[in-house]
Amino acid sequence: MRKLLITTLLLMSSTALAAELPLKELPGDADRDHWLPQQVNADGALEKLQDVTGGPAVKFSGTQDRPIQIALIYPSADVSDFWARNYLAMTKRLDELGIEYETREFASRQIEHSLQSTYAGQVAQDADLYDYVIFGPSELATQADNIDKLAGTDGLVTYVWAFHTPLKYLKNQPAAWFDFSSAYGAQKICDYMVERLGSDVTYALNRGIPGITDNQRSGDFMECVKEKGNWNAVYEHYGEYQREGGFEGTQLILQAYPEAKVIHNANTAMSMGSVEAQVAAGKEKEIFSTGWGGTGLELDAIRRGELDATPMRMGDDVGAATAEAIKAHMEDRAGDLPLVFLGRITVAHDQMSNEEIDALEKEAFRFSGVGALER
């Protein structure tokens, strides 16, 4: 069986995609360093995979003489449970599909770029041990050479988790990218907050690591609230997607920028650190704060009244879609797959009833389970 390298991403609304992803030719401008989903997906392949992922499992039609071997390189040692949940979603969907498998995980934190590079080199060197590799880059540009190397390794096909903007300068393009759209999530939370909080709001941000993801989650949000609500950002703190960064950034904001009544956080870890700093200062009721992704930790914080809103991805879609992609490759249907898979996003917020939040959580975590994960 061909060895297969998988590197993956996150999620977005199928309804929105139908309206926002018309078939287009690949861009010809040499200045662009990446492609967008609407520029690479064709013939309804994205919508088809979304439908398959959201529907009941259809058993693998072939036979196996041994379990497939899957390596996972991702920052699963971080606070966010996104990685663990999609691992569970992928494996449980593989179980439903009747595919036998064995996995090996190479864990890191989001900021451990060198460690991820070491792992990528190890997997490429030992490629004969694996059929599939799932790569969740610590940051896309930082890991571009490793993505290229893995995708170009003879006998491997590459999928990427947590990014959905294929780099056009790669010599070897991964087979598919799995993600939610950070740009779409920024638009969703922007629209919600401008409608709820009005115009001329003063706010601050806990940003992540400079790169495509933060440019969309933070930068696109800033542009949107400026355009639609004339909001004013008084401070931007780069917290490197870490709990400590969110805590320290929020402490500074509370002390130096008391006029900021909204804090926008670019991931779960920073939003949890931000909440801790607000609670410690007794300010959690005075600040409107956001999370990112709608993880179990964030939803619990919303229920406690400590977090106000988050763009919530239907998180298990990424893992389930990856399992369906593996099945398609095993059935020689790789040509049916989109280059970029996107899942659904909605806004969860503190004005929802517990029953409404529970329903969203049940759908989002239909494979990995509702409630905090034991990690």
Foldseek 3Di string as FASTA:
>chain_A
DFAAEEAAAAFADPVVCVVVQDADDADDDPPDQWAFQSHFFDDCLQVVLQVQLLDQADAQPDDDPDAAEEEEEAACVAPFCLVVLLVLLQVVLLVRNVGGHDYDYQHHHLPPQVSSVVVLVVCLVVVVVHRYYYYEHSACVSCVVSQLSQQPRGRYAYHHYHDFIWGPPRPGTHLAYHYADLLVQLLQVLVVCCVVPPAAAEAEEAFADPHDLRCRNPVSNVVSNCVPHVYHYPYYFYQNQALVSLQVVLLCCVVPPVSHQEYEYSAASSQNSVLVNCVVVVNQQRHAYEHEALGLVQLVCLVVSRYFKYWHWLSNSRSSSVSVCVSCVVVVNSVSHTRYHHHHTHMDGNVDDPVVSVVSQCRSSVRSDHHDDDD
